[in-house]
C-alpha cells in the first residue's frame, strides 16, 4: 500500500477510468465499482495519514529521549543508576533555582553560561548536562550551542530532535492543513462531478 496521497489519488483516478472503459458493465455496475474504489482510496488515505502522524510522533519521542536521557553505564547496578539519577536531579535543581527567578531571559542565559563554564572547567558532566537541558527549556540557544560544540554525538541527537520537532510542527501548520483538506476534497469528489480530477 502506498502512503503518498498523490499516488493514492492517481491510482484511484486510473482505476475509475478503467472501470468507465468497461463496455460490458451497466452504468449502475460501473457506479457501484467506482464507489468501492473511492471508499478504498479514502480508507488508504486515512490509514496513511494516521501512520505518518504516528511515525512522526514516535520519531519525536525517540529523539527527545536521546537528548534528555542521563547516560548510565551499561555495567551500573540498580543502586548506582539510582545514585546517578539523584545526582543529576540535584544538579538540575541547582541550575533551575539559579535561573527560575531571573528578571529577564538574558539574565537567565548569562547565569546558564556561567554555570556551563563552571561545569566545563571542573569537569562536572552532570552540571553541564543540567545547564544544557535548562537552556533547552528556556530557549537559550547560545548555551545549547556552547554545550554541543565539543560533543558531536550529542549534537547529532540534538539535530535529530529539532528536525523531528520541526516535522511535527509543520504537519500542524496552516499550509499543511490546507493541502490535506484539498487532498481529502479530491478523494471525496464524485467521479461524475465537475470537480473530478483527471487521471494521470
N, C-alpha and C. Protein backbone atom coordinates (compact mmCIF):
# COMPACT_ATOMS: atom_id res chain seq x y z
N UNK A 1 0.83 -1.18 0.00
CA UNK A 1 0.00 0.00 0.00
C UNK A 1 0.88 1.25 0.00
N UNK A 2 0.55 2.19 -0.85
CA UNK A 2 1.29 3.43 -0.90
C UNK A 2 0.85 4.37 0.23
N UNK A 3 1.75 5.22 0.67
CA UNK A 3 1.40 6.19 1.71
C UNK A 3 1.40 7.61 1.17
N UNK A 4 1.69 7.78 -0.10
CA UNK A 4 1.72 9.10 -0.72
C UNK A 4 0.31 9.48 -1.19
N UNK A 5 -0.27 10.57 -0.65
CA UNK A 5 -1.63 10.96 -1.04
C UNK A 5 -1.79 11.18 -2.54
N UNK A 6 -0.80 11.75 -3.18
CA UNK A 6 -0.88 11.99 -4.63
C UNK A 6 -0.94 10.67 -5.38
N UNK A 7 -0.17 9.70 -4.93
CA UNK A 7 -0.17 8.38 -5.57
C UNK A 7 -1.51 7.67 -5.34
N UNK A 8 -2.06 7.82 -4.14
CA UNK A 8 -3.37 7.22 -3.85
C UNK A 8 -4.42 7.82 -4.79
N UNK A 9 -4.38 9.14 -4.97
CA UNK A 9 -5.31 9.80 -5.90
C UNK A 9 -5.10 9.32 -7.33
N UNK A 10 -3.82 9.24 -7.73
CA UNK A 10 -3.52 8.82 -9.10
C UNK A 10 -4.03 7.41 -9.36
N UNK A 11 -3.79 6.51 -8.40
CA UNK A 11 -4.26 5.13 -8.56
C UNK A 11 -5.78 5.08 -8.59
N UNK A 12 -6.42 5.87 -7.73
CA UNK A 12 -7.88 5.89 -7.71
C UNK A 12 -8.41 6.38 -9.05
N UNK A 13 -7.84 7.45 -9.58
CA UNK A 13 -8.29 8.01 -10.86
C UNK A 13 -8.09 7.02 -12.01
N UNK A 14 -6.95 6.32 -11.99
CA UNK A 14 -6.67 5.34 -13.04
C UNK A 14 -7.69 4.19 -12.98
N UNK A 15 -7.98 3.72 -11.77
CA UNK A 15 -8.96 2.64 -11.63
C UNK A 15 -10.35 3.07 -12.09
N UNK A 16 -10.72 4.30 -11.76
CA UNK A 16 -12.03 4.82 -12.17
C UNK A 16 -12.11 4.89 -13.69
N UNK A 17 -11.05 5.39 -14.32
CA UNK A 17 -11.05 5.48 -15.78
C UNK A 17 -11.13 4.09 -16.41
N UNK A 18 -10.45 3.13 -15.81
CA UNK A 18 -10.50 1.75 -16.32
C UNK A 18 -11.92 1.20 -16.21
N UNK A 19 -12.56 1.45 -15.08
CA UNK A 19 -13.93 0.97 -14.88
C UNK A 19 -14.86 1.64 -15.91
N UNK A 20 -14.68 2.91 -16.15
CA UNK A 20 -15.52 3.61 -17.13
C UNK A 20 -15.35 3.03 -18.54
N UNK A 21 -14.20 2.46 -18.79
CA UNK A 21 -13.93 1.89 -20.10
C UNK A 21 -14.53 0.51 -20.32
N UNK A 22 -15.04 -0.13 -19.29
CA UNK A 22 -15.64 -1.45 -19.43
C UNK A 22 -16.98 -1.31 -20.17
N UNK A 23 -17.02 -1.86 -21.37
CA UNK A 23 -18.24 -1.75 -22.18
C UNK A 23 -19.30 -2.79 -21.80
N UNK A 24 -18.87 -3.85 -21.14
CA UNK A 24 -19.82 -4.91 -20.80
C UNK A 24 -20.53 -4.67 -19.46
N UNK A 25 -20.23 -3.52 -18.77
CA UNK A 25 -20.89 -3.22 -17.50
C UNK A 25 -21.97 -2.17 -17.70
N UNK A 26 -23.03 -2.31 -16.92
CA UNK A 26 -24.08 -1.28 -16.95
C UNK A 26 -23.57 -0.05 -16.20
N UNK A 27 -24.24 1.07 -16.40
CA UNK A 27 -23.86 2.29 -15.69
C UNK A 27 -23.97 2.08 -14.19
N UNK A 28 -24.99 1.36 -13.76
CA UNK A 28 -25.19 1.09 -12.35
C UNK A 28 -24.02 0.26 -11.78
N UNK A 29 -23.59 -0.75 -12.52
CA UNK A 29 -22.46 -1.58 -12.08
C UNK A 29 -21.18 -0.76 -12.04
N UNK A 30 -20.99 0.12 -13.03
CA UNK A 30 -19.81 0.98 -13.03
C UNK A 30 -19.81 1.89 -11.81
N UNK A 31 -20.95 2.50 -11.51
CA UNK A 31 -21.05 3.40 -10.36
C UNK A 31 -20.78 2.65 -9.05
N UNK A 32 -21.24 1.42 -8.97
CA UNK A 32 -21.01 0.63 -7.76
C UNK A 32 -19.52 0.34 -7.60
N UNK A 33 -18.87 -0.05 -8.68
CA UNK A 33 -17.42 -0.33 -8.62
C UNK A 33 -16.63 0.94 -8.32
N UNK A 34 -17.04 2.05 -8.93
CA UNK A 34 -16.35 3.33 -8.69
C UNK A 34 -16.50 3.72 -7.21
N UNK A 35 -17.69 3.51 -6.67
CA UNK A 35 -17.91 3.82 -5.25
C UNK A 35 -17.00 2.96 -4.37
N UNK A 36 -16.80 1.70 -4.73
CA UNK A 36 -15.91 0.82 -3.97
C UNK A 36 -14.46 1.32 -4.05
N UNK A 37 -14.06 1.74 -5.25
CA UNK A 37 -12.70 2.26 -5.44
C UNK A 37 -12.51 3.52 -4.59
N UNK A 38 -13.51 4.42 -4.61
CA UNK A 38 -13.43 5.65 -3.82
C UNK A 38 -13.33 5.35 -2.33
N UNK A 39 -14.13 4.40 -1.89
CA UNK A 39 -14.13 4.03 -0.48
C UNK A 39 -12.77 3.46 -0.07
N UNK A 40 -12.23 2.60 -0.91
CA UNK A 40 -10.91 2.01 -0.62
C UNK A 40 -9.82 3.08 -0.60
N UNK A 41 -9.86 4.00 -1.57
CA UNK A 41 -8.86 5.07 -1.64
C UNK A 41 -8.95 5.96 -0.41
N UNK A 42 -10.16 6.28 0.01
CA UNK A 42 -10.35 7.11 1.21
C UNK A 42 -9.78 6.40 2.44
N UNK A 43 -10.05 5.11 2.56
CA UNK A 43 -9.54 4.34 3.71
C UNK A 43 -8.02 4.28 3.68
N UNK A 44 -7.43 4.06 2.48
CA UNK A 44 -5.96 4.04 2.36
C UNK A 44 -5.37 5.38 2.76
N UNK A 45 -6.01 6.45 2.31
CA UNK A 45 -5.52 7.80 2.62
C UNK A 45 -5.55 8.04 4.13
N UNK A 46 -6.67 7.73 4.76
CA UNK A 46 -6.79 7.94 6.21
C UNK A 46 -5.78 7.10 6.97
N UNK A 47 -5.58 5.86 6.52
CA UNK A 47 -4.60 4.98 7.16
C UNK A 47 -3.18 5.53 6.98
N UNK A 48 -2.90 6.05 5.79
CA UNK A 48 -1.58 6.63 5.52
C UNK A 48 -1.33 7.86 6.38
N UNK A 49 -2.35 8.70 6.53
CA UNK A 49 -2.21 9.90 7.36
C UNK A 49 -1.96 9.50 8.81
N UNK A 50 -2.73 8.56 9.32
CA UNK A 50 -2.55 8.10 10.70
C UNK A 50 -1.16 7.50 10.91
N UNK A 51 -0.72 6.68 9.97
CA UNK A 51 0.60 6.05 10.09
C UNK A 51 1.70 7.10 10.05
N UNK A 52 1.54 8.09 9.18
CA UNK A 52 2.52 9.16 9.06
C UNK A 52 2.59 9.98 10.35
N UNK A 53 1.44 10.34 10.90
CA UNK A 53 1.42 11.12 12.15
C UNK A 53 2.00 10.31 13.30
N UNK A 54 1.68 9.03 13.36
CA UNK A 54 2.20 8.16 14.42
C UNK A 54 3.72 8.05 14.31
N UNK A 55 4.21 7.88 13.08
CA UNK A 55 5.66 7.77 12.86
C UNK A 55 6.37 9.06 13.28
N UNK A 56 5.80 10.20 12.94
CA UNK A 56 6.41 11.48 13.34
C UNK A 56 6.45 11.62 14.86
N UNK A 57 5.34 11.26 15.52
CA UNK A 57 5.28 11.37 16.98
C UNK A 57 6.29 10.43 17.64
N UNK A 58 6.41 9.22 17.10
CA UNK A 58 7.38 8.26 17.66
C UNK A 58 8.81 8.74 17.45
N UNK A 59 9.09 9.30 16.27
CA UNK A 59 10.43 9.82 15.99
C UNK A 59 10.76 10.98 16.94
N UNK A 60 9.78 11.85 17.18
CA UNK A 60 9.99 12.97 18.10
C UNK A 60 10.26 12.44 19.51
N UNK A 61 9.49 11.46 19.94
CA UNK A 61 9.66 10.91 21.29
C UNK A 61 11.03 10.24 21.44
N UNK A 62 11.45 9.47 20.43
CA UNK A 62 12.77 8.81 20.49
C UNK A 62 13.89 9.84 20.54
N UNK A 63 13.80 10.85 19.69
CA UNK A 63 14.86 11.85 19.64
C UNK A 63 14.88 12.70 20.91
N UNK A 64 13.71 12.95 21.48
CA UNK A 64 13.63 13.71 22.74
C UNK A 64 14.32 12.93 23.85
N UNK A 65 14.06 11.62 23.91
CA UNK A 65 14.70 10.78 24.93
C UNK A 65 16.22 10.79 24.75
N UNK A 66 16.68 10.77 23.50
CA UNK A 66 18.12 10.77 23.25
C UNK A 66 18.76 12.07 23.74
N UNK A 67 18.05 13.18 23.63
CA UNK A 67 18.58 14.47 24.07
C UNK A 67 18.56 14.59 25.59
N UNK A 68 17.47 14.18 26.22
CA UNK A 68 17.29 14.42 27.65
C UNK A 68 17.70 13.25 28.55
N UNK A 69 18.08 12.13 27.95
CA UNK A 69 18.47 10.97 28.75
C UNK A 69 19.77 11.25 29.52
N UNK A 70 19.82 10.79 30.73
CA UNK A 70 21.04 10.85 31.53
C UNK A 70 21.78 9.55 31.28
N UNK A 71 23.01 9.63 30.76
CA UNK A 71 23.73 8.39 30.43
C UNK A 71 24.07 7.57 31.67
N UNK A 72 23.76 6.31 31.58
CA UNK A 72 24.05 5.36 32.65
C UNK A 72 24.95 4.27 32.06
N UNK A 73 26.09 4.00 32.67
CA UNK A 73 26.95 2.93 32.16
C UNK A 73 26.21 1.59 32.15
N UNK A 74 26.48 0.80 31.13
CA UNK A 74 25.81 -0.50 30.99
C UNK A 74 26.09 -1.41 32.17
N UNK A 75 27.21 -1.21 32.84
CA UNK A 75 27.60 -2.08 33.96
C UNK A 75 27.06 -1.59 35.30
N UNK A 76 26.33 -0.47 35.30
CA UNK A 76 25.84 0.10 36.56
C UNK A 76 24.78 -0.81 37.19
N UNK A 77 24.87 -0.94 38.49
CA UNK A 77 23.84 -1.69 39.22
C UNK A 77 22.62 -0.78 39.36
N UNK A 78 21.53 -1.35 39.83
CA UNK A 78 20.32 -0.54 40.05
C UNK A 78 20.59 0.57 41.06
N UNK A 79 21.35 0.26 42.10
CA UNK A 79 21.66 1.26 43.13
C UNK A 79 22.52 2.38 42.54
N UNK A 80 23.50 2.01 41.69
CA UNK A 80 24.34 3.03 41.06
C UNK A 80 23.53 3.90 40.10
N UNK A 81 22.64 3.26 39.38
CA UNK A 81 21.77 4.02 38.47
C UNK A 81 20.92 5.02 39.25
N UNK A 82 20.38 4.59 40.38
CA UNK A 82 19.56 5.48 41.22
C UNK A 82 20.41 6.65 41.73
N UNK A 83 21.67 6.39 42.08
CA UNK A 83 22.56 7.45 42.57
C UNK A 83 22.85 8.46 41.45
N UNK A 84 23.07 7.96 40.24
CA UNK A 84 23.36 8.86 39.11
C UNK A 84 22.14 9.75 38.85
N UNK A 85 20.96 9.15 38.87
CA UNK A 85 19.75 9.95 38.64
C UNK A 85 19.54 10.97 39.76
N UNK A 86 19.81 10.58 40.97
CA UNK A 86 19.67 11.51 42.10
C UNK A 86 20.68 12.66 41.97
N UNK A 87 21.90 12.33 41.57
CA UNK A 87 22.92 13.37 41.38
C UNK A 87 22.52 14.33 40.25
N UNK A 88 21.96 13.77 39.18
CA UNK A 88 21.51 14.63 38.08
C UNK A 88 20.37 15.54 38.53
N UNK A 89 19.40 14.96 39.26
CA UNK A 89 18.28 15.78 39.73
C UNK A 89 18.77 16.91 40.62
N UNK A 90 19.75 16.62 41.46
CA UNK A 90 20.30 17.66 42.34
C UNK A 90 20.96 18.76 41.50
N UNK A 91 21.73 18.35 40.49
CA UNK A 91 22.38 19.34 39.62
C UNK A 91 21.34 20.16 38.87
N UNK A 92 20.32 19.49 38.36
CA UNK A 92 19.27 20.22 37.62
C UNK A 92 18.52 21.17 38.54
N UNK A 93 18.23 20.73 39.76
CA UNK A 93 17.54 21.61 40.71
C UNK A 93 18.37 22.84 41.03
N UNK A 94 19.69 22.66 41.14
CA UNK A 94 20.58 23.81 41.38
C UNK A 94 20.52 24.78 40.20
N UNK A 95 20.58 24.24 38.99
CA UNK A 95 20.53 25.08 37.79
C UNK A 95 19.17 25.77 37.69
N UNK A 96 18.14 25.01 37.95
CA UNK A 96 16.79 25.58 37.89
C UNK A 96 16.64 26.72 38.89
N UNK A 97 17.08 26.49 40.13
CA UNK A 97 16.98 27.51 41.17
C UNK A 97 17.77 28.78 40.79
N UNK A 98 18.88 28.59 40.13
CA UNK A 98 19.71 29.73 39.74
C UNK A 98 19.07 30.57 38.64
N UNK A 99 18.14 29.98 37.88
CA UNK A 99 17.56 30.70 36.74
C UNK A 99 16.06 30.96 36.88
N UNK A 100 15.42 30.34 37.84
CA UNK A 100 13.95 30.42 37.94
C UNK A 100 13.45 31.83 38.19
N UNK A 101 14.20 32.63 38.91
CA UNK A 101 13.71 33.96 39.28
C UNK A 101 14.47 35.08 38.57
N UNK A 102 15.06 34.74 37.43
CA UNK A 102 15.76 35.75 36.64
C UNK A 102 14.76 36.78 36.16
N UNK A 103 15.19 38.03 36.13
CA UNK A 103 14.29 39.11 35.73
C UNK A 103 14.06 39.17 34.23
N UNK A 104 14.97 38.55 33.47
CA UNK A 104 14.82 38.58 32.02
C UNK A 104 15.43 37.31 31.43
N UNK A 105 15.04 36.98 30.20
CA UNK A 105 15.67 35.83 29.54
C UNK A 105 17.19 36.00 29.40
N UNK A 106 17.62 37.23 29.17
CA UNK A 106 19.06 37.48 29.04
C UNK A 106 19.80 37.20 30.33
N UNK A 107 19.19 37.55 31.45
CA UNK A 107 19.82 37.28 32.75
C UNK A 107 19.91 35.78 33.00
N UNK A 108 18.85 35.05 32.67
CA UNK A 108 18.87 33.59 32.82
C UNK A 108 19.94 32.98 31.93
N UNK A 109 20.06 33.49 30.71
CA UNK A 109 21.06 32.97 29.78
C UNK A 109 22.47 33.22 30.32
N UNK A 110 22.72 34.39 30.87
CA UNK A 110 24.04 34.69 31.45
C UNK A 110 24.36 33.72 32.58
N UNK A 111 23.36 33.44 33.42
CA UNK A 111 23.58 32.51 34.53
C UNK A 111 23.86 31.10 34.01
N UNK A 112 23.14 30.69 32.97
CA UNK A 112 23.39 29.37 32.38
C UNK A 112 24.79 29.31 31.77
N UNK A 113 25.21 30.38 31.11
CA UNK A 113 26.57 30.43 30.55
C UNK A 113 27.60 30.30 31.66
N UNK A 114 27.36 30.99 32.79
CA UNK A 114 28.27 30.91 33.93
C UNK A 114 28.33 29.49 34.47
N UNK A 115 27.16 28.88 34.65
CA UNK A 115 27.12 27.51 35.19
C UNK A 115 27.75 26.50 34.24
N UNK A 116 27.50 26.67 32.94
CA UNK A 116 28.12 25.76 31.97
C UNK A 116 29.63 25.93 31.97
N UNK A 117 30.10 27.17 32.04
CA UNK A 117 31.55 27.43 32.10
C UNK A 117 32.16 26.78 33.33
N UNK A 118 31.51 26.93 34.47
CA UNK A 118 31.98 26.31 35.71
C UNK A 118 32.04 24.79 35.57
N UNK A 119 30.99 24.22 35.01
CA UNK A 119 30.93 22.76 34.84
C UNK A 119 32.03 22.28 33.90
N UNK A 120 32.25 23.01 32.81
CA UNK A 120 33.29 22.61 31.84
C UNK A 120 34.67 22.69 32.46
N UNK A 121 34.93 23.76 33.22
CA UNK A 121 36.26 23.91 33.86
C UNK A 121 36.52 22.83 34.90
N UNK A 122 35.48 22.46 35.63
CA UNK A 122 35.67 21.50 36.72
C UNK A 122 35.44 20.05 36.29
N UNK A 123 34.98 19.85 35.05
CA UNK A 123 34.73 18.50 34.57
C UNK A 123 33.45 17.89 35.12
N UNK A 124 32.54 18.74 35.59
CA UNK A 124 31.28 18.26 36.17
C UNK A 124 30.28 18.01 35.03
N UNK A 125 30.26 16.77 34.55
CA UNK A 125 29.43 16.41 33.41
C UNK A 125 27.93 16.55 33.70
N UNK A 126 27.54 16.21 34.92
CA UNK A 126 26.11 16.29 35.25
C UNK A 126 25.64 17.74 35.34
N UNK A 127 26.46 18.62 35.89
CA UNK A 127 26.10 20.04 35.94
C UNK A 127 26.04 20.62 34.52
N UNK A 128 26.99 20.23 33.67
CA UNK A 128 26.99 20.69 32.28
C UNK A 128 25.72 20.23 31.57
N UNK A 129 25.36 18.98 31.77
CA UNK A 129 24.15 18.44 31.13
C UNK A 129 22.91 19.14 31.69
N UNK A 130 22.88 19.39 32.97
CA UNK A 130 21.74 20.08 33.57
C UNK A 130 21.60 21.50 33.01
N UNK A 131 22.71 22.20 32.85
CA UNK A 131 22.67 23.55 32.26
C UNK A 131 22.18 23.49 30.82
N UNK A 132 22.62 22.48 30.10
CA UNK A 132 22.19 22.26 28.71
C UNK A 132 20.69 22.02 28.64
N UNK A 133 20.20 21.14 29.49
CA UNK A 133 18.77 20.84 29.49
C UNK A 133 17.93 22.06 29.88
N UNK A 134 18.41 22.82 30.86
CA UNK A 134 17.68 24.02 31.26
C UNK A 134 17.72 25.05 30.13
N UNK A 135 18.84 25.12 29.42
CA UNK A 135 18.95 26.05 28.29
C UNK A 135 17.94 25.68 27.20
N UNK A 136 17.75 24.38 26.98
CA UNK A 136 16.74 23.95 26.01
C UNK A 136 15.36 24.42 26.47
N UNK A 137 15.07 24.20 27.75
CA UNK A 137 13.77 24.60 28.30
C UNK A 137 13.52 26.09 28.15
N UNK A 138 14.57 26.89 28.33
CA UNK A 138 14.42 28.35 28.28
C UNK A 138 14.66 28.93 26.88
N UNK A 139 15.07 28.10 25.94
CA UNK A 139 15.35 28.59 24.59
C UNK A 139 16.62 29.41 24.50
N UNK A 140 17.58 29.12 25.38
CA UNK A 140 18.86 29.83 25.38
C UNK A 140 19.80 29.12 24.40
N UNK A 141 19.64 29.42 23.13
CA UNK A 141 20.33 28.69 22.07
C UNK A 141 21.85 28.81 22.16
N UNK A 142 22.35 29.97 22.59
CA UNK A 142 23.81 30.12 22.67
C UNK A 142 24.42 29.15 23.68
N UNK A 143 23.69 28.86 24.75
CA UNK A 143 24.17 27.90 25.75
C UNK A 143 24.10 26.48 25.18
N UNK A 144 23.01 26.19 24.49
CA UNK A 144 22.86 24.88 23.83
C UNK A 144 24.02 24.68 22.86
N UNK A 145 24.28 25.70 22.04
CA UNK A 145 25.37 25.61 21.06
C UNK A 145 26.72 25.44 21.73
N UNK A 146 26.94 26.16 22.83
CA UNK A 146 28.22 26.05 23.54
C UNK A 146 28.41 24.64 24.09
N UNK A 147 27.35 24.06 24.63
CA UNK A 147 27.44 22.70 25.17
C UNK A 147 27.73 21.70 24.06
N UNK A 148 27.06 21.87 22.93
CA UNK A 148 27.18 20.89 21.84
C UNK A 148 28.46 21.05 21.02
N UNK A 149 29.13 22.19 21.13
CA UNK A 149 30.29 22.48 20.29
C UNK A 149 31.37 21.40 20.37
N UNK A 150 31.57 20.84 21.54
CA UNK A 150 32.63 19.83 21.69
C UNK A 150 32.06 18.42 21.87
N UNK A 151 30.78 18.26 21.53
CA UNK A 151 30.14 16.96 21.71
C UNK A 151 29.39 16.57 20.43
N UNK A 152 30.09 16.06 19.43
CA UNK A 152 29.45 15.78 18.14
C UNK A 152 28.32 14.75 18.21
N UNK A 153 28.44 13.76 19.07
CA UNK A 153 27.39 12.75 19.16
C UNK A 153 26.11 13.37 19.74
N UNK A 154 26.27 14.19 20.76
CA UNK A 154 25.10 14.86 21.35
C UNK A 154 24.53 15.89 20.38
N UNK A 155 25.41 16.48 19.57
CA UNK A 155 24.94 17.43 18.55
C UNK A 155 24.07 16.73 17.52
N UNK A 156 24.45 15.52 17.12
CA UNK A 156 23.63 14.76 16.17
C UNK A 156 22.26 14.44 16.78
N UNK A 157 22.25 14.08 18.07
CA UNK A 157 20.98 13.80 18.75
C UNK A 157 20.12 15.06 18.79
N UNK A 158 20.75 16.20 19.05
CA UNK A 158 20.03 17.49 19.08
C UNK A 158 19.46 17.81 17.69
N UNK A 159 20.24 17.60 16.66
CA UNK A 159 19.76 17.88 15.30
C UNK A 159 18.59 16.97 14.93
N UNK A 160 18.65 15.71 15.34
CA UNK A 160 17.53 14.79 15.08
C UNK A 160 16.29 15.25 15.83
N UNK A 161 16.47 15.70 17.05
CA UNK A 161 15.36 16.18 17.86
C UNK A 161 14.72 17.43 17.25
N UNK A 162 15.54 18.40 16.87
CA UNK A 162 14.98 19.63 16.30
C UNK A 162 14.32 19.36 14.95
N UNK A 163 14.90 18.44 14.16
CA UNK A 163 14.28 18.08 12.88
C UNK A 163 12.92 17.41 13.11
N UNK A 164 12.85 16.53 14.10
CA UNK A 164 11.58 15.85 14.41
C UNK A 164 10.55 16.85 14.92
N UNK A 165 10.99 17.80 15.76
CA UNK A 165 10.08 18.84 16.25
C UNK A 165 9.54 19.67 15.09
N UNK A 166 10.43 20.03 14.19
CA UNK A 166 10.02 20.85 13.05
C UNK A 166 9.04 20.09 12.16
N UNK A 167 9.30 18.82 11.97
CA UNK A 167 8.42 17.99 11.15
C UNK A 167 7.01 17.92 11.75
N UNK A 168 6.93 17.71 13.06
CA UNK A 168 5.63 17.66 13.73
C UNK A 168 4.95 19.03 13.65
N UNK A 169 5.72 20.07 13.86
CA UNK A 169 5.17 21.44 13.80
C UNK A 169 4.64 21.76 12.41
N UNK A 170 5.39 21.39 11.39
CA UNK A 170 4.97 21.66 10.01
C UNK A 170 3.71 20.88 9.65
N UNK A 171 3.56 19.69 10.22
CA UNK A 171 2.37 18.90 9.90
C UNK A 171 1.11 19.53 10.48
N UNK A 172 1.29 20.49 11.39
CA UNK A 172 0.15 21.17 12.01
C UNK A 172 -0.01 22.60 11.52
N UNK A 173 0.89 23.05 10.63
CA UNK A 173 0.77 24.43 10.17
C UNK A 173 -0.34 24.58 9.14
N UNK A 174 -0.73 25.81 8.89
CA UNK A 174 -1.89 26.09 8.04
C UNK A 174 -1.71 25.59 6.62
N UNK A 175 -0.50 25.70 6.08
CA UNK A 175 -0.26 25.24 4.70
C UNK A 175 -0.47 23.74 4.56
N UNK A 176 0.05 23.01 5.54
CA UNK A 176 -0.09 21.54 5.50
C UNK A 176 -1.56 21.14 5.69
N UNK A 177 -2.24 21.82 6.61
CA UNK A 177 -3.65 21.51 6.83
C UNK A 177 -4.49 21.82 5.59
N UNK A 178 -4.13 22.92 4.90
CA UNK A 178 -4.83 23.28 3.67
C UNK A 178 -4.60 22.23 2.58
N UNK A 179 -3.34 21.80 2.45
CA UNK A 179 -3.00 20.76 1.47
C UNK A 179 -3.77 19.46 1.76
N UNK A 180 -3.84 19.13 3.02
CA UNK A 180 -4.57 17.92 3.43
C UNK A 180 -6.06 18.05 3.10
N UNK A 181 -6.62 19.23 3.36
CA UNK A 181 -8.03 19.46 3.06
C UNK A 181 -8.30 19.33 1.56
N UNK A 182 -7.38 19.84 0.74
CA UNK A 182 -7.54 19.72 -0.72
C UNK A 182 -7.48 18.27 -1.17
N UNK A 183 -6.57 17.51 -0.58
CA UNK A 183 -6.46 16.10 -0.93
C UNK A 183 -7.73 15.36 -0.53
N UNK A 184 -8.21 15.64 0.68
CA UNK A 184 -9.44 14.98 1.13
C UNK A 184 -10.62 15.36 0.23
N UNK A 185 -10.64 16.62 -0.18
CA UNK A 185 -11.72 17.06 -1.09
C UNK A 185 -11.64 16.30 -2.41
N UNK A 186 -10.41 16.17 -2.93
CA UNK A 186 -10.24 15.45 -4.20
C UNK A 186 -10.67 13.98 -4.05
N UNK A 187 -10.35 13.38 -2.92
CA UNK A 187 -10.75 11.99 -2.69
C UNK A 187 -12.26 11.85 -2.53
N UNK A 188 -12.89 12.88 -2.01
CA UNK A 188 -14.33 12.83 -1.77
C UNK A 188 -15.15 13.36 -2.93
N UNK A 189 -14.49 13.89 -3.96
CA UNK A 189 -15.21 14.44 -5.11
C UNK A 189 -15.81 13.29 -5.91
N UNK A 190 -17.07 13.46 -6.24
CA UNK A 190 -17.74 12.43 -7.04
C UNK A 190 -17.10 12.32 -8.40
N UNK A 191 -16.81 11.11 -8.87
CA UNK A 191 -16.18 10.94 -10.17
C UNK A 191 -17.01 11.53 -11.32
N UNK A 192 -18.31 11.72 -11.10
CA UNK A 192 -19.14 12.30 -12.15
C UNK A 192 -19.32 13.79 -11.97
N UNK A 193 -18.77 14.34 -10.86
CA UNK A 193 -18.96 15.76 -10.58
C UNK A 193 -18.01 16.62 -11.37
N UNK A 194 -18.28 17.94 -11.40
CA UNK A 194 -17.44 18.85 -12.18
C UNK A 194 -16.05 19.01 -11.62
N UNK A 195 -15.86 18.76 -10.31
CA UNK A 195 -14.55 18.93 -9.72
C UNK A 195 -13.68 17.69 -9.79
N UNK A 196 -14.13 16.67 -10.46
CA UNK A 196 -13.39 15.40 -10.51
C UNK A 196 -12.09 15.58 -11.26
N UNK A 197 -10.95 15.25 -10.62
CA UNK A 197 -9.66 15.44 -11.28
C UNK A 197 -9.41 14.40 -12.36
N UNK A 198 -8.70 14.82 -13.35
CA UNK A 198 -8.37 13.90 -14.45
C UNK A 198 -7.35 12.89 -13.99
N UNK A 199 -7.39 11.72 -14.55
CA UNK A 199 -6.41 10.68 -14.21
C UNK A 199 -5.06 11.04 -14.77
N UNK A 200 -3.99 10.55 -14.05
CA UNK A 200 -2.63 10.72 -14.53
C UNK A 200 -2.19 12.08 -14.21
